[in-house]
PDB file of N, CA and C in Angstrom:
ATOM      1  N   MET A   1       0.848  -1.182   0.000  1.00  0.00           N
ATOM      2  CA  MET A   1       0.000   0.000   0.000  1.00  0.00           C
ATOM      3  C   MET A   1       0.890   1.241   0.000  1.00  0.00           C
ATOM      4  N   ASP A   2       0.566   2.174  -0.841  1.00  0.00           N
ATOM      5  CA  ASP A   2       1.340   3.401  -0.945  1.00  0.00           C
ATOM      6  C   ASP A   2       0.890   4.391   0.122  1.00  0.00           C
ATOM      7  N   LEU A   3       1.755   4.674   1.074  1.00  0.00           N
ATOM      8  CA  LEU A   3       1.400   5.581   2.167  1.00  0.00           C
ATOM      9  C   LEU A   3       1.367   7.041   1.727  1.00  0.00           C
ATOM     10  N   LYS A   4       2.079   7.370   0.681  1.00  0.00           N
ATOM     11  CA  LYS A   4       2.103   8.766   0.231  1.00  0.00           C
ATOM     12  C   LYS A   4       0.709   9.244  -0.158  1.00  0.00           C
ATOM     13  N   SER A   5      -0.034   8.413  -0.861  1.00  0.00           N
ATOM     14  CA  SER A   5      -1.379   8.828  -1.272  1.00  0.00           C
ATOM     15  C   SER A   5      -2.314   8.920  -0.071  1.00  0.00           C
ATOM     16  N   VAL A   6      -2.162   8.026   0.889  1.00  0.00           N
ATOM     17  CA  VAL A   6      -2.999   8.066   2.093  1.00  0.00           C
ATOM     18  C   VAL A   6      -2.705   9.330   2.895  1.00  0.00           C
ATOM     19  N   ILE A   7      -1.433   9.628   3.077  1.00  0.00           N
ATOM     20  CA  ILE A   7      -1.045  10.828   3.838  1.00  0.00           C
ATOM     21  C   ILE A   7      -1.490  12.089   3.104  1.00  0.00           C
ATOM     22  N   ALA A   8      -1.379  12.101   1.789  1.00  0.00           N
ATOM     23  CA  ALA A   8      -1.832  13.261   1.009  1.00  0.00           C
ATOM     24  C   ALA A   8      -3.328  13.472   1.167  1.00  0.00           C
ATOM     25  N   LYS A   9      -4.106  12.383   1.178  1.00  0.00           N
ATOM     26  CA  LYS A   9      -5.565  12.499   1.350  1.00  0.00           C
ATOM     27  C   LYS A   9      -5.906  13.011   2.744  1.00  0.00           C
ATOM     28  N   ILE A  10      -5.228  12.499   3.768  1.00  0.00           N
ATOM     29  CA  ILE A  10      -5.469  12.961   5.140  1.00  0.00           C
ATOM     30  C   ILE A  10      -5.145  14.447   5.259  1.00  0.00           C
ATOM     31  N   ALA A  11      -4.041  14.864   4.679  1.00  0.00           N
ATOM     32  CA  ALA A  11      -3.645  16.273   4.742  1.00  0.00           C
ATOM     33  C   ALA A  11      -4.644  17.152   4.002  1.00  0.00           C
ATOM     34  N   ALA A  12      -5.127  16.694   2.859  1.00  0.00           N
ATOM     35  CA  ALA A  12      -6.107  17.472   2.092  1.00  0.00           C
ATOM     36  C   ALA A  12      -7.415  17.582   2.862  1.00  0.00           C
ATOM     37  N   ASP A  13      -7.854  16.471   3.476  1.00  0.00           N
ATOM     38  CA  ASP A  13      -9.082  16.505   4.278  1.00  0.00           C
ATOM     39  C   ASP A  13      -8.946  17.454   5.455  1.00  0.00           C
ATOM     40  N   ALA A  14      -7.795  17.420   6.121  1.00  0.00           N
ATOM     41  CA  ALA A  14      -7.563  18.299   7.264  1.00  0.00           C
ATOM     42  C   ALA A  14      -7.551  19.759   6.820  1.00  0.00           C
ATOM     43  N   ASP A  15      -6.947  20.031   5.665  1.00  0.00           N
ATOM     44  CA  ASP A  15      -6.908  21.393   5.139  1.00  0.00           C
ATOM     45  C   ASP A  15      -8.313  21.884   4.810  1.00  0.00           C
ATOM     46  N   LEU A  16      -9.146  21.033   4.209  1.00  0.00           N
ATOM     47  CA  LEU A  16     -10.522  21.419   3.898  1.00  0.00           C
ATOM     48  C   LEU A  16     -11.313  21.713   5.168  1.00  0.00           C
ATOM     49  N   ARG A  17     -11.132  20.867   6.194  1.00  0.00           N
ATOM     50  CA  ARG A  17     -11.835  21.102   7.459  1.00  0.00           C
ATOM     51  C   ARG A  17     -11.391  22.408   8.097  1.00  0.00           C
ATOM     52  N   ASN A  18     -10.087  22.679   8.058  1.00  0.00           N
ATOM     53  CA  ASN A  18      -9.581  23.921   8.641  1.00  0.00           C
ATOM     54  C   ASN A  18     -10.110  25.135   7.891  1.00  0.00           C
ATOM     55  N   ARG A  19     -10.126  25.069   6.570  1.00  0.00           N
ATOM     56  CA  ARG A  19     -10.655  26.191   5.786  1.00  0.00           C
ATOM     57  C   ARG A  19     -12.145  26.385   6.046  1.00  0.00           C
ATOM     58  N   PHE A  20     -12.885  25.296   6.172  1.00  0.00           N
ATOM     59  CA  PHE A  20     -14.320  25.380   6.435  1.00  0.00           C
ATOM     60  C   PHE A  20     -14.582  26.037   7.789  1.00  0.00           C
ATOM     61  N   THR A  21     -13.873  25.607   8.819  1.00  0.00           N
ATOM     62  CA  THR A  21     -14.116  26.184  10.145  1.00  0.00           C
ATOM     63  C   THR A  21     -13.640  27.629  10.237  1.00  0.00           C
ATOM     64  N   ARG A  22     -12.637  28.004   9.460  1.00  0.00           N
ATOM     65  CA  ARG A  22     -12.220  29.414   9.441  1.00  0.00           C
ATOM     66  C   ARG A  22     -13.235  30.275   8.701  1.00  0.00           C
ATOM     67  N   THR A  23     -13.856  29.727   7.665  1.00  0.00           N
ATOM     68  CA  THR A  23     -14.818  30.482   6.864  1.00  0.00           C
ATOM     69  C   THR A  23     -16.109  30.732   7.634  1.00  0.00           C
ATOM     70  N   VAL A  24     -16.625  29.714   8.274  1.00  0.00           N
ATOM     71  CA  VAL A  24     -17.874  29.832   9.052  1.00  0.00           C
ATOM     72  C   VAL A  24     -17.631  29.276  10.458  1.00  0.00           C
ATOM     73  N   PRO A  25     -16.983  30.050  11.316  1.00  0.00           N
ATOM     74  CA  PRO A  25     -16.545  29.515  12.609  1.00  0.00           C
ATOM     75  C   PRO A  25     -17.677  29.114  13.555  1.00  0.00           C
ATOM     76  N   GLY A  26     -18.814  29.762  13.514  1.00  0.00           N
ATOM     77  CA  GLY A  26     -19.869  29.460  14.469  1.00  0.00           C
ATOM     78  C   GLY A  26     -20.960  28.564  13.941  1.00  0.00           C
ATOM     79  N   LEU A  27     -20.789  28.022  12.755  1.00  0.00           N
ATOM     80  CA  LEU A  27     -21.859  27.246  12.128  1.00  0.00           C
ATOM     81  C   LEU A  27     -22.226  25.992  12.922  1.00  0.00           C
ATOM     82  N   LEU A  28     -21.262  25.312  13.470  1.00  0.00           N
ATOM     83  CA  LEU A  28     -21.516  24.042  14.147  1.00  0.00           C
ATOM     84  C   LEU A  28     -21.568  24.164  15.670  1.00  0.00           C
ATOM     85  N   ASP A  29     -21.692  25.380  16.190  1.00  0.00           N
ATOM     86  CA  ASP A  29     -21.689  25.577  17.640  1.00  0.00           C
ATOM     87  C   ASP A  29     -22.888  24.939  18.334  1.00  0.00           C
ATOM     88  N   ASN A  30     -24.021  24.849  17.675  1.00  0.00           N
ATOM     89  CA  ASN A  30     -25.229  24.332  18.311  1.00  0.00           C
ATOM     90  C   ASN A  30     -25.454  22.849  18.046  1.00  0.00           C
ATOM     91  N   TYR A  31     -24.438  22.152  17.584  1.00  0.00           N
ATOM     92  CA  TYR A  31     -24.562  20.731  17.267  1.00  0.00           C
ATOM     93  C   TYR A  31     -23.579  19.926  18.107  1.00  0.00           C
ATOM     94  N   PHE A  32     -23.962  18.690  18.396  1.00  0.00           N
ATOM     95  CA  PHE A  32     -23.146  17.805  19.216  1.00  0.00           C
ATOM     96  C   PHE A  32     -23.017  16.464  18.520  1.00  0.00           C
ATOM     97  N   LEU A  33     -21.979  15.739  18.849  1.00  0.00           N
ATOM     98  CA  LEU A  33     -21.748  14.417  18.281  1.00  0.00           C
ATOM     99  C   LEU A  33     -22.043  13.375  19.351  1.00  0.00           C
ATOM    100  N   SER A  34     -22.926  12.439  19.026  1.00  0.00           N
ATOM    101  CA  SER A  34     -23.278  11.398  19.989  1.00  0.00           C
ATOM    102  C   SER A  34     -22.190  10.336  20.026  1.00  0.00           C
ATOM    103  N   GLY A  35     -22.313   9.433  20.978  1.00  0.00           N
ATOM    104  CA  GLY A  35     -21.341   8.347  21.090  1.00  0.00           C
ATOM    105  C   GLY A  35     -21.353   7.419  19.895  1.00  0.00           C
ATOM    106  N   SER A  36     -22.486   7.343  19.200  1.00  0.00           N
ATOM    107  CA  SER A  36     -22.576   6.485  18.020  1.00  0.00           C
ATOM    108  C   SER A  36     -22.228   7.216  16.732  1.00  0.00           C
ATOM    109  N   GLY A  37     -21.851   8.503  16.840  1.00  0.00           N
ATOM    110  CA  GLY A  37     -21.428   9.249  15.662  1.00  0.00           C
ATOM    111  C   GLY A  37     -22.516  10.065  14.999  1.00  0.00           C
ATOM    112  N   GLN A  38     -23.678  10.172  15.612  1.00  0.00           N
ATOM    113  CA  GLN A  38     -24.755  10.973  15.045  1.00  0.00           C
ATOM    114  C   GLN A  38     -24.567  12.431  15.411  1.00  0.00           C
ATOM    115  N   ILE A  39     -24.947  13.320  14.498  1.00  0.00           N
ATOM    116  CA  ILE A  39     -24.913  14.752  14.768  1.00  0.00           C
ATOM    117  C   ILE A  39     -26.280  15.147  15.318  1.00  0.00           C
ATOM    118  N   LEU A  40     -26.287  15.740  16.518  1.00  0.00           N
ATOM    119  CA  LEU A  40     -27.524  16.093  17.204  1.00  0.00           C
ATOM    120  C   LEU A  40     -27.557  17.572  17.529  1.00  0.00           C
ATOM    121  N   THR A  41     -28.769  18.138  17.576  1.00  0.00           N
ATOM    122  CA  THR A  41     -28.926  19.494  18.094  1.00  0.00           C
ATOM    123  C   THR A  41     -28.896  19.423  19.616  1.00  0.00           C
ATOM    124  N   LYS A  42     -28.847  20.564  20.267  1.00  0.00           N
ATOM    125  CA  LYS A  42     -28.809  20.590  21.740  1.00  0.00           C
ATOM    126  C   LYS A  42     -30.048  19.941  22.322  1.00  0.00           C
ATOM    127  N   GLU A  43     -31.219  20.218  21.745  1.00  0.00           N
ATOM    128  CA  GLU A  43     -32.460  19.641  22.260  1.00  0.00           C
ATOM    129  C   GLU A  43     -32.457  18.121  22.120  1.00  0.00           C
ATOM    130  N   GLU A  44     -32.000  17.622  20.977  1.00  0.00           N
ATOM    131  CA  GLU A  44     -31.936  16.178  20.769  1.00  0.00           C
ATOM    132  C   GLU A  44     -30.946  15.527  21.726  1.00  0.00           C
ATOM    133  N   ALA A  45     -29.819  16.193  21.947  1.00  0.00           N
ATOM    134  CA  ALA A  45     -28.814  15.652  22.867  1.00  0.00           C
ATOM    135  C   ALA A  45     -29.354  15.622  24.294  1.00  0.00           C
ATOM    136  N   ASP A  46     -30.099  16.669  24.696  1.00  0.00           N
ATOM    137  CA  ASP A  46     -30.687  16.689  26.037  1.00  0.00           C
ATOM    138  C   ASP A  46     -31.700  15.562  26.205  1.00  0.00           C
ATOM    139  N   ARG A  47     -32.538  15.344  25.191  1.00  0.00           N
ATOM    140  CA  ARG A  47     -33.527  14.259  25.260  1.00  0.00           C
ATOM    141  C   ARG A  47     -32.836  12.899  25.324  1.00  0.00           C
ATOM    142  N   ALA A  48     -31.816  12.717  24.508  1.00  0.00           N
ATOM    143  CA  ALA A  48     -31.091  11.443  24.505  1.00  0.00           C
ATOM    144  C   ALA A  48     -30.416  11.211  25.852  1.00  0.00           C
ATOM    145  N   TYR A  49     -29.882  12.275  26.459  1.00  0.00           N
ATOM    146  CA  TYR A  49     -29.246  12.157  27.773  1.00  0.00           C
ATOM    147  C   TYR A  49     -30.270  11.744  28.815  1.00  0.00           C
ATOM    148  N   ALA A  50     -31.449  12.359  28.787  1.00  0.00           N
ATOM    149  CA  ALA A  50     -32.483  12.023  29.767  1.00  0.00           C
ATOM    150  C   ALA A  50     -32.943  10.583  29.608  1.00  0.00           C
ATOM    151  N   ILE A  51     -33.099  10.133  28.385  1.00  0.00           N
ATOM    152  CA  ILE A  51     -33.520   8.747  28.147  1.00  0.00           C
ATOM    153  C   ILE A  51     -32.441   7.778  28.620  1.00  0.00           C
ATOM    154  N   ASN A  52     -31.185   8.069  28.309  1.00  0.00           N
ATOM    155  CA  ASN A  52     -30.091   7.196  28.752  1.00  0.00           C
ATOM    156  C   ASN A  52     -29.985   7.177  30.271  1.00  0.00           C
ATOM    157  N   PHE A  53     -30.181   8.322  30.907  1.00  0.00           N
ATOM    158  CA  PHE A  53     -30.135   8.406  32.357  1.00  0.00           C
ATOM    159  C   PHE A  53     -31.236   7.542  32.966  1.00  0.00           C
ATOM    160  N   PHE A  54     -32.435   7.616  32.397  1.00  0.00           N
ATOM    161  CA  PHE A  54     -33.568   6.822  32.859  1.00  0.00           C
ATOM    162  C   PHE A  54     -33.294   5.331  32.690  1.00  0.00           C
ATOM    163  N   LEU A  55     -32.801   4.935  31.514  1.00  0.00           N
ATOM    164  CA  LEU A  55     -32.527   3.519  31.250  1.00  0.00           C
ATOM    165  C   LEU A  55     -31.406   2.994  32.139  1.00  0.00           C
ATOM    166  N   ASP A  56     -30.390   3.826  32.398  1.00  0.00           N
ATOM    167  CA  ASP A  56     -29.322   3.417  33.314  1.00  0.00           C
ATOM    168  C   ASP A  56     -29.873   3.192  34.714  1.00  0.00           C
ATOM    169  N   GLY A  57     -30.809   4.041  35.132  1.00  0.00           N
ATOM    170  CA  GLY A  57     -31.447   3.870  36.432  1.00  0.00           C
ATOM    171  C   GLY A  57     -32.230   2.571  36.507  1.00  0.00           C
ATOM    172  N   LEU A  58     -32.955   2.260  35.439  1.00  0.00           N
ATOM    173  CA  LEU A  58     -33.699   0.996  35.409  1.00  0.00           C
ATOM    174  C   LEU A  58     -32.753  -0.201  35.463  1.00  0.00           C
ATOM    175  N   ASP A  59     -31.647  -0.126  34.750  1.00  0.00           N
ATOM    176  CA  ASP A  59     -30.665  -1.218  34.793  1.00  0.00           C
ATOM    177  C   ASP A  59     -30.104  -1.385  36.196  1.00  0.00           C
ATOM    178  N   PHE A  60     -29.831  -0.261  36.862  1.00  0.00           N
ATOM    179  CA  PHE A  60     -29.303  -0.322  38.220  1.00  0.00           C
ATOM    180  C   PHE A  60     -30.315  -0.966  39.166  1.00  0.00           C
ATOM    181  N   VAL A  61     -31.575  -0.543  39.090  1.00  0.00           N
ATOM    182  CA  VAL A  61     -32.605  -1.087  39.966  1.00  0.00           C
ATOM    183  C   VAL A  61     -32.806  -2.572  39.701  1.00  0.00           C
ATOM    184  N   SER A  62     -32.829  -2.946  38.434  1.00  0.00           N
ATOM    185  CA  SER A  62     -33.046  -4.366  38.121  1.00  0.00           C
ATOM    186  C   SER A  62     -31.864  -5.215  38.542  1.00  0.00           C
ATOM    187  N   SER A  63     -30.681  -4.651  38.580  1.00  0.00           N
ATOM    188  CA  SER A  63     -29.502  -5.426  39.013  1.00  0.00           C
ATOM    189  C   SER A  63     -29.495  -5.611  40.533  1.00  0.00           C
ATOM    190  N   GLN A  64     -30.227  -4.763  41.252  1.00  0.00           N
ATOM    191  CA  GLN A  64     -30.268  -4.848  42.715  1.00  0.00           C
ATOM    192  C   GLN A  64     -31.370  -5.768  43.214  1.00  0.00           C
ATOM    193  N   VAL A  65     -32.309  -6.120  42.367  1.00  0.00           N
ATOM    194  CA  VAL A  65     -33.428  -6.965  42.765  1.00  0.00           C
ATOM    195  C   VAL A  65     -32.982  -8.419  42.733  1.00  0.00           C
ATOM    196  N   ARG A  66     -33.164  -9.095  43.844  1.00  0.00           N
ATOM    197  CA  ARG A  66     -32.788 -10.504  43.942  1.00  0.00           C
ATOM    198  C   ARG A  66     -34.056 -11.324  44.191  1.00  0.00           C
ATOM    199  N   LEU A  67     -34.230 -12.319  43.382  1.00  0.00           N
ATOM    200  CA  LEU A  67     -35.409 -13.176  43.529  1.00  0.00           C
ATOM    201  C   LEU A  67     -35.074 -14.454  44.243  1.00  0.00           C
TER     202      LEU A  67
END
């Protein structure tokens, strides 16, 4: 495998990302990246956090119940 082409592609991608963020610096301020790689708005991230918090609580309670 030729590493020169891979490194050139990585450098080009990094340069494009840097130019994009310099051009519109505040465009992505209201977005978050989830653990699974999804792009979420603040409201979606808050809802997902609340649901995960609730499900974690249920898992904890069910792990403490002994029959």
